[in-house]
mmCIF file of all heavy atoms, coordinates in Angstrom:
data_MODEL
# 
_entry.id   MODEL 
# 
loop_
_atom_site.group_PDB 
_atom_site.id 
_atom_site.type_symbol 
_atom_site.label_atom_id 
_atom_site.label_alt_id 
_atom_site.label_comp_id 
_atom_site.label_asym_id 
_atom_site.label_entity_id 
_atom_site.label_seq_id 
_atom_site.pdbx_PDB_ins_code 
_atom_site.Cartn_x 
_atom_site.Cartn_y 
_atom_site.Cartn_z 
_atom_site.occupancy 
_atom_site.B_iso_or_equiv 
_atom_site.pdbx_formal_charge 
_atom_site.auth_seq_id 
_atom_site.auth_comp_id 
_atom_site.auth_asym_id 
_atom_site.auth_atom_id 
_atom_site.pdbx_PDB_model_num 
ATOM 1   N N   . VAL A 1 1  ? 65.924 141.266 131.022 1.00 0.00 ? 1  VAL A N   1 
ATOM 2   C CA  . VAL A 1 1  ? 67.073 141.731 131.795 1.00 0.00 ? 1  VAL A CA  1 
ATOM 3   C C   . VAL A 1 1  ? 67.082 143.257 131.598 1.00 0.00 ? 1  VAL A C   1 
ATOM 4   O O   . VAL A 1 1  ? 67.188 143.746 130.492 1.00 0.00 ? 1  VAL A O   1 
ATOM 5   C CB  . VAL A 1 1  ? 68.355 141.106 131.369 1.00 0.00 ? 1  VAL A CB  1 
ATOM 6   C CG1 . VAL A 1 1  ? 69.516 141.630 132.161 1.00 0.00 ? 1  VAL A CG1 1 
ATOM 7   C CG2 . VAL A 1 1  ? 68.301 139.574 131.432 1.00 0.00 ? 1  VAL A CG2 1 
ATOM 8   N N   . LYS A 1 2  ? 67.019 143.968 132.705 1.00 0.00 ? 2  LYS A N   1 
ATOM 9   C CA  . LYS A 1 2  ? 67.060 145.425 132.618 1.00 0.00 ? 2  LYS A CA  1 
ATOM 10  C C   . LYS A 1 2  ? 68.434 145.917 132.187 1.00 0.00 ? 2  LYS A C   1 
ATOM 11  O O   . LYS A 1 2  ? 69.453 145.348 132.538 1.00 0.00 ? 2  LYS A O   1 
ATOM 12  C CB  . LYS A 1 2  ? 66.645 146.043 133.922 1.00 0.00 ? 2  LYS A CB  1 
ATOM 13  C CG  . LYS A 1 2  ? 65.206 145.736 134.341 1.00 0.00 ? 2  LYS A CG  1 
ATOM 14  C CD  . LYS A 1 2  ? 64.774 146.535 135.561 1.00 0.00 ? 2  LYS A CD  1 
ATOM 15  C CE  . LYS A 1 2  ? 63.394 146.242 135.910 1.00 0.00 ? 2  LYS A CE  1 
ATOM 16  N NZ  . LYS A 1 2  ? 62.410 146.967 135.129 1.00 0.00 ? 2  LYS A NZ  1 
ATOM 17  N N   . ARG A 1 3  ? 68.406 146.955 131.375 1.00 0.00 ? 3  ARG A N   1 
ATOM 18  C CA  . ARG A 1 3  ? 69.649 147.511 130.841 1.00 0.00 ? 3  ARG A CA  1 
ATOM 19  C C   . ARG A 1 3  ? 70.632 147.922 131.970 1.00 0.00 ? 3  ARG A C   1 
ATOM 20  O O   . ARG A 1 3  ? 71.812 147.651 131.906 1.00 0.00 ? 3  ARG A O   1 
ATOM 21  C CB  . ARG A 1 3  ? 69.365 148.730 129.980 1.00 0.00 ? 3  ARG A CB  1 
ATOM 22  C CG  . ARG A 1 3  ? 70.638 149.351 129.373 1.00 0.00 ? 3  ARG A CG  1 
ATOM 23  C CD  . ARG A 1 3  ? 70.390 150.522 128.467 1.00 0.00 ? 3  ARG A CD  1 
ATOM 24  N NE  . ARG A 1 3  ? 69.433 150.128 127.450 1.00 0.00 ? 3  ARG A NE  1 
ATOM 25  C CZ  . ARG A 1 3  ? 68.331 150.816 127.155 1.00 0.00 ? 3  ARG A CZ  1 
ATOM 26  N NH1 . ARG A 1 3  ? 68.045 151.930 127.812 1.00 0.00 ? 3  ARG A NH1 1 
ATOM 27  N NH2 . ARG A 1 3  ? 67.535 150.409 126.176 1.00 0.00 ? 3  ARG A NH2 1 
ATOM 28  N N   . ARG A 1 4  ? 70.096 148.493 133.011 1.00 0.00 ? 4  ARG A N   1 
ATOM 29  C CA  . ARG A 1 4  ? 70.930 148.895 134.151 1.00 0.00 ? 4  ARG A CA  1 
ATOM 30  C C   . ARG A 1 4  ? 71.697 147.688 134.718 1.00 0.00 ? 4  ARG A C   1 
ATOM 31  O O   . ARG A 1 4  ? 72.892 147.789 135.060 1.00 0.00 ? 4  ARG A O   1 
ATOM 32  C CB  . ARG A 1 4  ? 70.113 149.557 135.234 1.00 0.00 ? 4  ARG A CB  1 
ATOM 33  C CG  . ARG A 1 4  ? 70.904 150.125 136.348 1.00 0.00 ? 4  ARG A CG  1 
ATOM 34  C CD  . ARG A 1 4  ? 70.048 150.888 137.273 1.00 0.00 ? 4  ARG A CD  1 
ATOM 35  N NE  . ARG A 1 4  ? 69.289 151.851 136.479 1.00 0.00 ? 4  ARG A NE  1 
ATOM 36  C CZ  . ARG A 1 4  ? 69.141 153.130 136.765 1.00 0.00 ? 4  ARG A CZ  1 
ATOM 37  N NH1 . ARG A 1 4  ? 69.673 153.618 137.851 1.00 0.00 ? 4  ARG A NH1 1 
ATOM 38  N NH2 . ARG A 1 4  ? 68.441 153.950 135.997 1.00 0.00 ? 4  ARG A NH2 1 
ATOM 39  N N   . SER A 1 5  ? 70.995 146.544 134.817 1.00 0.00 ? 5  SER A N   1 
ATOM 40  C CA  . SER A 1 5  ? 71.688 145.365 135.342 1.00 0.00 ? 5  SER A CA  1 
ATOM 41  C C   . SER A 1 5  ? 72.769 144.892 134.444 1.00 0.00 ? 5  SER A C   1 
ATOM 42  O O   . SER A 1 5  ? 73.856 144.499 134.877 1.00 0.00 ? 5  SER A O   1 
ATOM 43  C CB  . SER A 1 5  ? 70.632 144.248 135.541 1.00 0.00 ? 5  SER A CB  1 
ATOM 44  O OG  . SER A 1 5  ? 69.680 144.580 136.477 1.00 0.00 ? 5  SER A OG  1 
ATOM 45  N N   . LEU A 1 6  ? 72.539 144.941 133.124 1.00 0.00 ? 6  LEU A N   1 
ATOM 46  C CA  . LEU A 1 6  ? 73.557 144.554 132.154 1.00 0.00 ? 6  LEU A CA  1 
ATOM 47  C C   . LEU A 1 6  ? 74.767 145.473 132.242 1.00 0.00 ? 6  LEU A C   1 
ATOM 48  O O   . LEU A 1 6  ? 75.887 145.064 132.208 1.00 0.00 ? 6  LEU A O   1 
ATOM 49  C CB  . LEU A 1 6  ? 73.016 144.581 130.720 1.00 0.00 ? 6  LEU A CB  1 
ATOM 50  C CG  . LEU A 1 6  ? 72.166 143.380 130.310 1.00 0.00 ? 6  LEU A CG  1 
ATOM 51  C CD1 . LEU A 1 6  ? 71.598 143.624 128.895 1.00 0.00 ? 6  LEU A CD1 1 
ATOM 52  C CD2 . LEU A 1 6  ? 72.984 142.099 130.354 1.00 0.00 ? 6  LEU A CD2 1 
ATOM 53  N N   . GLU A 1 7  ? 74.492 146.796 132.347 1.00 0.00 ? 7  GLU A N   1 
ATOM 54  C CA  . GLU A 1 7  ? 75.577 147.757 132.421 1.00 0.00 ? 7  GLU A CA  1 
ATOM 55  C C   . GLU A 1 7  ? 76.397 147.574 133.669 1.00 0.00 ? 7  GLU A C   1 
ATOM 56  O O   . GLU A 1 7  ? 77.634 147.642 133.636 1.00 0.00 ? 7  GLU A O   1 
ATOM 57  C CB  . GLU A 1 7  ? 75.013 149.199 132.347 1.00 0.00 ? 7  GLU A CB  1 
ATOM 58  C CG  . GLU A 1 7  ? 74.430 149.562 130.992 1.00 0.00 ? 7  GLU A CG  1 
ATOM 59  C CD  . GLU A 1 7  ? 73.655 150.877 131.050 1.00 0.00 ? 7  GLU A CD  1 
ATOM 60  O OE1 . GLU A 1 7  ? 73.384 151.416 132.141 1.00 0.00 ? 7  GLU A OE1 1 
ATOM 61  O OE2 . GLU A 1 7  ? 73.300 151.343 129.959 1.00 0.00 ? 7  GLU A OE2 1 
ATOM 62  N N   . GLN A 1 8  ? 75.775 147.273 134.792 1.00 0.00 ? 8  GLN A N   1 
ATOM 63  C CA  . GLN A 1 8  ? 76.493 147.061 136.022 1.00 0.00 ? 8  GLN A CA  1 
ATOM 64  C C   . GLN A 1 8  ? 77.342 145.788 135.917 1.00 0.00 ? 8  GLN A C   1 
ATOM 65  O O   . GLN A 1 8  ? 78.515 145.779 136.320 1.00 0.00 ? 8  GLN A O   1 
ATOM 66  C CB  . GLN A 1 8  ? 75.498 146.931 137.227 1.00 0.00 ? 8  GLN A CB  1 
ATOM 67  C CG  . GLN A 1 8  ? 74.892 148.249 137.601 1.00 0.00 ? 8  GLN A CG  1 
ATOM 68  C CD  . GLN A 1 8  ? 73.848 148.129 138.685 1.00 0.00 ? 8  GLN A CD  1 
ATOM 69  O OE1 . GLN A 1 8  ? 73.387 147.040 138.952 1.00 0.00 ? 8  GLN A OE1 1 
ATOM 70  N NE2 . GLN A 1 8  ? 73.488 149.257 139.294 1.00 0.00 ? 8  GLN A NE2 1 
ATOM 71  N N   . ALA A 1 9  ? 76.782 144.722 135.349 1.00 0.00 ? 9  ALA A N   1 
ATOM 72  C CA  . ALA A 1 9  ? 77.502 143.450 135.225 1.00 0.00 ? 9  ALA A CA  1 
ATOM 73  C C   . ALA A 1 9  ? 78.692 143.639 134.265 1.00 0.00 ? 9  ALA A C   1 
ATOM 74  O O   . ALA A 1 9  ? 79.767 143.151 134.545 1.00 0.00 ? 9  ALA A O   1 
ATOM 75  C CB  . ALA A 1 9  ? 76.584 142.371 134.737 1.00 0.00 ? 9  ALA A CB  1 
ATOM 76  N N   . ALA A 1 10 ? 78.481 144.399 133.204 1.00 0.00 ? 10 ALA A N   1 
ATOM 77  C CA  . ALA A 1 10 ? 79.548 144.635 132.226 1.00 0.00 ? 10 ALA A CA  1 
ATOM 78  C C   . ALA A 1 10 ? 80.668 145.495 132.890 1.00 0.00 ? 10 ALA A C   1 
ATOM 79  O O   . ALA A 1 10 ? 81.836 145.293 132.580 1.00 0.00 ? 10 ALA A O   1 
ATOM 80  C CB  . ALA A 1 10 ? 79.014 145.309 130.990 1.00 0.00 ? 10 ALA A CB  1 
ATOM 81  N N   . GLY A 1 11 ? 80.284 146.400 133.751 1.00 0.00 ? 11 GLY A N   1 
ATOM 82  C CA  . GLY A 1 11 ? 81.305 147.213 134.435 1.00 0.00 ? 11 GLY A CA  1 
ATOM 83  C C   . GLY A 1 11 ? 82.102 146.449 135.432 1.00 0.00 ? 11 GLY A C   1 
ATOM 84  O O   . GLY A 1 11 ? 83.252 146.841 135.746 1.00 0.00 ? 11 GLY A O   1 
ATOM 85  N N   . MET A 1 12 ? 81.581 145.328 135.950 1.00 0.00 ? 12 MET A N   1 
ATOM 86  C CA  . MET A 1 12 ? 82.292 144.579 136.976 1.00 0.00 ? 12 MET A CA  1 
ATOM 87  C C   . MET A 1 12 ? 83.007 143.341 136.423 1.00 0.00 ? 12 MET A C   1 
ATOM 88  O O   . MET A 1 12 ? 83.952 142.868 137.033 1.00 0.00 ? 12 MET A O   1 
ATOM 89  C CB  . MET A 1 12 ? 81.308 144.088 138.047 1.00 0.00 ? 12 MET A CB  1 
ATOM 90  C CG  . MET A 1 12 ? 80.692 145.255 138.830 1.00 0.00 ? 12 MET A CG  1 
ATOM 91  S SD  . MET A 1 12 ? 79.690 144.742 140.261 1.00 0.00 ? 12 MET A SD  1 
ATOM 92  C CE  . MET A 1 12 ? 78.580 143.547 139.574 1.00 0.00 ? 12 MET A CE  1 
ATOM 93  N N   . THR A 1 13 ? 82.566 142.855 135.227 1.00 0.00 ? 13 THR A N   1 
ATOM 94  C CA  . THR A 1 13 ? 83.093 141.613 134.711 1.00 0.00 ? 13 THR A CA  1 
ATOM 95  C C   . THR A 1 13 ? 83.426 141.765 133.253 1.00 0.00 ? 13 THR A C   1 
ATOM 96  O O   . THR A 1 13 ? 82.577 142.034 132.412 1.00 0.00 ? 13 THR A O   1 
ATOM 97  C CB  . THR A 1 13 ? 82.084 140.463 134.862 1.00 0.00 ? 13 THR A CB  1 
ATOM 98  O OG1 . THR A 1 13 ? 81.657 140.429 136.251 1.00 0.00 ? 13 THR A OG1 1 
ATOM 99  C CG2 . THR A 1 13 ? 82.680 139.136 134.500 1.00 0.00 ? 13 THR A CG2 1 
ATOM 100 N N   . ALA A 1 14 ? 84.675 141.557 132.886 1.00 0.00 ? 14 ALA A N   1 
ATOM 101 C CA  . ALA A 1 14 ? 85.115 141.733 131.499 1.00 0.00 ? 14 ALA A CA  1 
ATOM 102 C C   . ALA A 1 14 ? 84.432 140.722 130.595 1.00 0.00 ? 14 ALA A C   1 
ATOM 103 O O   . ALA A 1 14 ? 84.115 140.979 129.455 1.00 0.00 ? 14 ALA A O   1 
ATOM 104 C CB  . ALA A 1 14 ? 86.609 141.608 131.395 1.00 0.00 ? 14 ALA A CB  1 
ATOM 105 N N   . GLN A 1 15 ? 84.179 139.529 131.109 1.00 0.00 ? 15 GLN A N   1 
ATOM 106 C CA  . GLN A 1 15 ? 83.531 138.501 130.273 1.00 0.00 ? 15 GLN A CA  1 
ATOM 107 C C   . GLN A 1 15 ? 82.115 138.916 129.891 1.00 0.00 ? 15 GLN A C   1 
ATOM 108 O O   . GLN A 1 15 ? 81.716 138.681 128.735 1.00 0.00 ? 15 GLN A O   1 
ATOM 109 C CB  . GLN A 1 15 ? 83.466 137.150 131.061 1.00 0.00 ? 15 GLN A CB  1 
ATOM 110 C CG  . GLN A 1 15 ? 82.851 136.016 130.243 1.00 0.00 ? 15 GLN A CG  1 
ATOM 111 C CD  . GLN A 1 15 ? 82.805 134.711 131.052 1.00 0.00 ? 15 GLN A CD  1 
ATOM 112 O OE1 . GLN A 1 15 ? 83.301 134.650 132.162 1.00 0.00 ? 15 GLN A OE1 1 
ATOM 113 N NE2 . GLN A 1 15 ? 82.272 133.717 130.421 1.00 0.00 ? 15 GLN A NE2 1 
ATOM 114 N N   . VAL A 1 16 ? 81.391 139.573 130.771 1.00 0.00 ? 16 VAL A N   1 
ATOM 115 C CA  . VAL A 1 16 ? 80.079 140.065 130.436 1.00 0.00 ? 16 VAL A CA  1 
ATOM 116 C C   . VAL A 1 16 ? 80.166 141.133 129.368 1.00 0.00 ? 16 VAL A C   1 
ATOM 117 O O   . VAL A 1 16 ? 79.395 141.185 128.398 1.00 0.00 ? 16 VAL A O   1 
ATOM 118 C CB  . VAL A 1 16 ? 79.287 140.568 131.666 1.00 0.00 ? 16 VAL A CB  1 
ATOM 119 C CG1 . VAL A 1 16 ? 77.990 141.250 131.296 1.00 0.00 ? 16 VAL A CG1 1 
ATOM 120 C CG2 . VAL A 1 16 ? 79.012 139.422 132.621 1.00 0.00 ? 16 VAL A CG2 1 
ATOM 121 N N   . ALA A 1 17 ? 81.089 142.054 129.550 1.00 0.00 ? 17 ALA A N   1 
ATOM 122 C CA  . ALA A 1 17 ? 81.314 143.144 128.566 1.00 0.00 ? 17 ALA A CA  1 
ATOM 123 C C   . ALA A 1 17 ? 81.652 142.560 127.197 1.00 0.00 ? 17 ALA A C   1 
ATOM 124 O O   . ALA A 1 17 ? 81.140 143.037 126.175 1.00 0.00 ? 17 ALA A O   1 
ATOM 125 C CB  . ALA A 1 17 ? 82.408 144.087 129.053 1.00 0.00 ? 17 ALA A CB  1 
ATOM 126 N N   . ARG A 1 18 ? 82.522 141.561 127.146 1.00 0.00 ? 18 ARG A N   1 
ATOM 127 C CA  . ARG A 1 18 ? 82.878 140.905 125.856 1.00 0.00 ? 18 ARG A CA  1 
ATOM 128 C C   . ARG A 1 18 ? 81.651 140.214 125.258 1.00 0.00 ? 18 ARG A C   1 
ATOM 129 O O   . ARG A 1 18 ? 81.451 140.330 124.026 1.00 0.00 ? 18 ARG A O   1 
ATOM 130 C CB  . ARG A 1 18 ? 83.973 139.914 126.063 1.00 0.00 ? 18 ARG A CB  1 
ATOM 131 C CG  . ARG A 1 18 ? 85.382 140.539 126.096 1.00 0.00 ? 18 ARG A CG  1 
ATOM 132 C CD  . ARG A 1 18 ? 86.465 139.476 126.012 1.00 0.00 ? 18 ARG A CD  1 
ATOM 133 N NE  . ARG A 1 18 ? 86.403 138.467 127.061 1.00 0.00 ? 18 ARG A NE  1 
ATOM 134 C CZ  . ARG A 1 18 ? 87.005 138.629 128.243 1.00 0.00 ? 18 ARG A CZ  1 
ATOM 135 N NH1 . ARG A 1 18 ? 87.705 139.711 128.524 1.00 0.00 ? 18 ARG A NH1 1 
ATOM 136 N NH2 . ARG A 1 18 ? 86.915 137.701 129.169 1.00 0.00 ? 18 ARG A NH2 1 
ATOM 137 N N   . SER A 1 19 ? 80.837 139.586 126.080 1.00 0.00 ? 19 SER A N   1 
ATOM 138 C CA  . SER A 1 19 ? 79.685 138.876 125.545 1.00 0.00 ? 19 SER A CA  1 
ATOM 139 C C   . SER A 1 19 ? 78.702 139.916 124.945 1.00 0.00 ? 19 SER A C   1 
ATOM 140 O O   . SER A 1 19 ? 78.118 139.653 123.874 1.00 0.00 ? 19 SER A O   1 
ATOM 141 C CB  . SER A 1 19 ? 78.980 138.100 126.617 1.00 0.00 ? 19 SER A CB  1 
ATOM 142 O OG  . SER A 1 19 ? 79.816 137.019 127.029 1.00 0.00 ? 19 SER A OG  1 
ATOM 143 N N   . LEU A 1 20 ? 78.479 141.028 125.613 1.00 0.00 ? 20 LEU A N   1 
ATOM 144 C CA  . LEU A 1 20 ? 77.602 142.041 125.091 1.00 0.00 ? 20 LEU A CA  1 
ATOM 145 C C   . LEU A 1 20 ? 78.149 142.608 123.806 1.00 0.00 ? 20 LEU A C   1 
ATOM 146 O O   . LEU A 1 20 ? 77.406 142.873 122.857 1.00 0.00 ? 20 LEU A O   1 
ATOM 147 C CB  . LEU A 1 20 ? 77.375 143.171 126.123 1.00 0.00 ? 20 LEU A CB  1 
ATOM 148 C CG  . LEU A 1 20 ? 76.527 142.794 127.334 1.00 0.00 ? 20 LEU A CG  1 
ATOM 149 C CD1 . LEU A 1 20 ? 76.591 143.904 128.389 1.00 0.00 ? 20 LEU A CD1 1 
ATOM 150 C CD2 . LEU A 1 20 ? 75.081 142.586 126.883 1.00 0.00 ? 20 LEU A CD2 1 
ATOM 151 N N   . TRP A 1 21 ? 79.444 142.847 123.757 1.00 0.00 ? 21 TRP A N   1 
ATOM 152 C CA  . TRP A 1 21 ? 80.076 143.375 122.535 1.00 0.00 ? 21 TRP A CA  1 
ATOM 153 C C   . TRP A 1 21 ? 79.880 142.367 121.401 1.00 0.00 ? 21 TRP A C   1 
ATOM 154 O O   . TRP A 1 21 ? 79.549 142.747 120.267 1.00 0.00 ? 21 TRP A O   1 
ATOM 155 C CB  . TRP A 1 21 ? 81.538 143.675 122.743 1.00 0.00 ? 21 TRP A CB  1 
ATOM 156 C CG  . TRP A 1 21 ? 82.179 144.287 121.549 1.00 0.00 ? 21 TRP A CG  1 
ATOM 157 C CD1 . TRP A 1 21 ? 82.195 145.630 121.218 1.00 0.00 ? 21 TRP A CD1 1 
ATOM 158 C CD2 . TRP A 1 21 ? 82.823 143.573 120.482 1.00 0.00 ? 21 TRP A CD2 1 
ATOM 159 N NE1 . TRP A 1 21 ? 82.841 145.762 120.014 1.00 0.00 ? 21 TRP A NE1 1 
ATOM 160 C CE2 . TRP A 1 21 ? 83.221 144.540 119.537 1.00 0.00 ? 21 TRP A CE2 1 
ATOM 161 C CE3 . TRP A 1 21 ? 83.080 142.261 120.229 1.00 0.00 ? 21 TRP A CE3 1 
ATOM 162 C CZ2 . TRP A 1 21 ? 83.861 144.247 118.371 1.00 0.00 ? 21 TRP A CZ2 1 
ATOM 163 C CZ3 . TRP A 1 21 ? 83.749 141.936 119.029 1.00 0.00 ? 21 TRP A CZ3 1 
ATOM 164 C CH2 . TRP A 1 21 ? 84.138 142.933 118.107 1.00 0.00 ? 21 TRP A CH2 1 
ATOM 165 N N   . THR A 1 22 ? 80.079 141.094 121.670 1.00 0.00 ? 22 THR A N   1 
ATOM 166 C CA  . THR A 1 22 ? 79.963 140.047 120.627 1.00 0.00 ? 22 THR A CA  1 
ATOM 167 C C   . THR A 1 22 ? 78.510 139.996 120.126 1.00 0.00 ? 22 THR A C   1 
ATOM 168 O O   . THR A 1 22 ? 78.295 139.875 118.920 1.00 0.00 ? 22 THR A O   1 
ATOM 169 C CB  . THR A 1 22 ? 80.426 138.713 121.210 1.00 0.00 ? 22 THR A CB  1 
ATOM 170 O OG1 . THR A 1 22 ? 81.760 138.766 121.609 1.00 0.00 ? 22 THR A OG1 1 
ATOM 171 C CG2 . THR A 1 22 ? 80.249 137.579 120.210 1.00 0.00 ? 22 THR A CG2 1 
ATOM 172 N N   . MET A 1 23 ? 77.563 140.030 121.047 1.00 0.00 ? 23 MET A N   1 
ATOM 173 C CA  . MET A 1 23 ? 76.128 140.017 120.608 1.00 0.00 ? 23 MET A CA  1 
ATOM 174 C C   . MET A 1 23 ? 75.812 141.252 119.781 1.00 0.00 ? 23 MET A C   1 
ATOM 175 O O   . MET A 1 23 ? 75.132 141.183 118.743 1.00 0.00 ? 23 MET A O   1 
ATOM 176 C CB  . MET A 1 23 ? 75.231 139.985 121.860 1.00 0.00 ? 23 MET A CB  1 
ATOM 177 C CG  . MET A 1 23 ? 75.139 138.618 122.523 1.00 0.00 ? 23 MET A CG  1 
ATOM 178 S SD  . MET A 1 23 ? 73.933 138.559 123.816 1.00 0.00 ? 23 MET A SD  1 
ATOM 179 C CE  . MET A 1 23 ? 74.820 139.354 125.155 1.00 0.00 ? 23 MET A CE  1 
ATOM 180 N N   . THR A 1 24 ? 76.303 142.391 120.193 1.00 0.00 ? 24 THR A N   1 
ATOM 181 C CA  . THR A 1 24 ? 76.021 143.642 119.472 1.00 0.00 ? 24 THR A CA  1 
ATOM 182 C C   . THR A 1 24 ? 76.652 143.601 118.077 1.00 0.00 ? 24 THR A C   1 
ATOM 183 O O   . THR A 1 24 ? 76.033 143.991 117.083 1.00 0.00 ? 24 THR A O   1 
ATOM 184 C CB  . THR A 1 24 ? 76.522 144.842 120.253 1.00 0.00 ? 24 THR A CB  1 
ATOM 185 O OG1 . THR A 1 24 ? 75.899 144.861 121.524 1.00 0.00 ? 24 THR A OG1 1 
ATOM 186 C CG2 . THR A 1 24 ? 76.233 146.145 119.534 1.00 0.00 ? 24 THR A CG2 1 
ATOM 187 N N   . ALA A 1 25 ? 77.907 143.136 118.020 1.00 0.00 ? 25 ALA A N   1 
ATOM 188 C CA  . ALA A 1 25 ? 78.572 143.006 116.717 1.00 0.00 ? 25 ALA A CA  1 
ATOM 189 C C   . ALA A 1 25 ? 77.847 142.029 115.818 1.00 0.00 ? 25 ALA A C   1 
ATOM 190 O O   . ALA A 1 25 ? 77.722 142.263 114.586 1.00 0.00 ? 25 ALA A O   1 
ATOM 191 C CB  . ALA A 1 25 ? 80.039 142.593 116.888 1.00 0.00 ? 25 ALA A CB  1 
ATOM 192 N N   . GLY A 1 26 ? 77.337 140.944 116.336 1.00 0.00 ? 26 GLY A N   1 
ATOM 193 C CA  . GLY A 1 26 ? 76.589 139.986 115.575 1.00 0.00 ? 26 GLY A CA  1 
ATOM 194 C C   . GLY A 1 26 ? 75.283 140.577 115.038 1.00 0.00 ? 26 GLY A C   1 
ATOM 195 O O   . GLY A 1 26 ? 74.931 140.332 113.893 1.00 0.00 ? 26 GLY A O   1 
ATOM 196 N N   . GLU A 1 27 ? 74.639 141.358 115.846 1.00 0.00 ? 27 GLU A N   1 
ATOM 197 C CA  . GLU A 1 27 ? 73.361 142.011 115.393 1.00 0.00 ? 27 GLU A CA  1 
ATOM 198 C C   . GLU A 1 27 ? 73.674 143.051 114.280 1.00 0.00 ? 27 GLU A C   1 
ATOM 199 O O   . GLU A 1 27 ? 72.927 143.151 113.313 1.00 0.00 ? 27 GLU A O   1 
ATOM 200 C CB  . GLU A 1 27 ? 72.654 142.708 116.539 1.00 0.00 ? 27 GLU A CB  1 
ATOM 201 C CG  . GLU A 1 27 ? 72.005 141.746 117.517 1.00 0.00 ? 27 GLU A CG  1 
ATOM 202 C CD  . GLU A 1 27 ? 70.848 141.002 116.913 1.00 0.00 ? 27 GLU A CD  1 
ATOM 203 O OE1 . GLU A 1 27 ? 70.074 141.602 116.115 1.00 0.00 ? 27 GLU A OE1 1 
ATOM 204 O OE2 . GLU A 1 27 ? 70.740 139.783 117.128 1.00 0.00 ? 27 GLU A OE2 1 
# 
């Protein structure tokens, strides 16, 4: 998944942003 696609999805959907934050915090 390209970073740009993740960033766009996170900018449009709070659930995606929370999921990315949760994954990053877990790492």
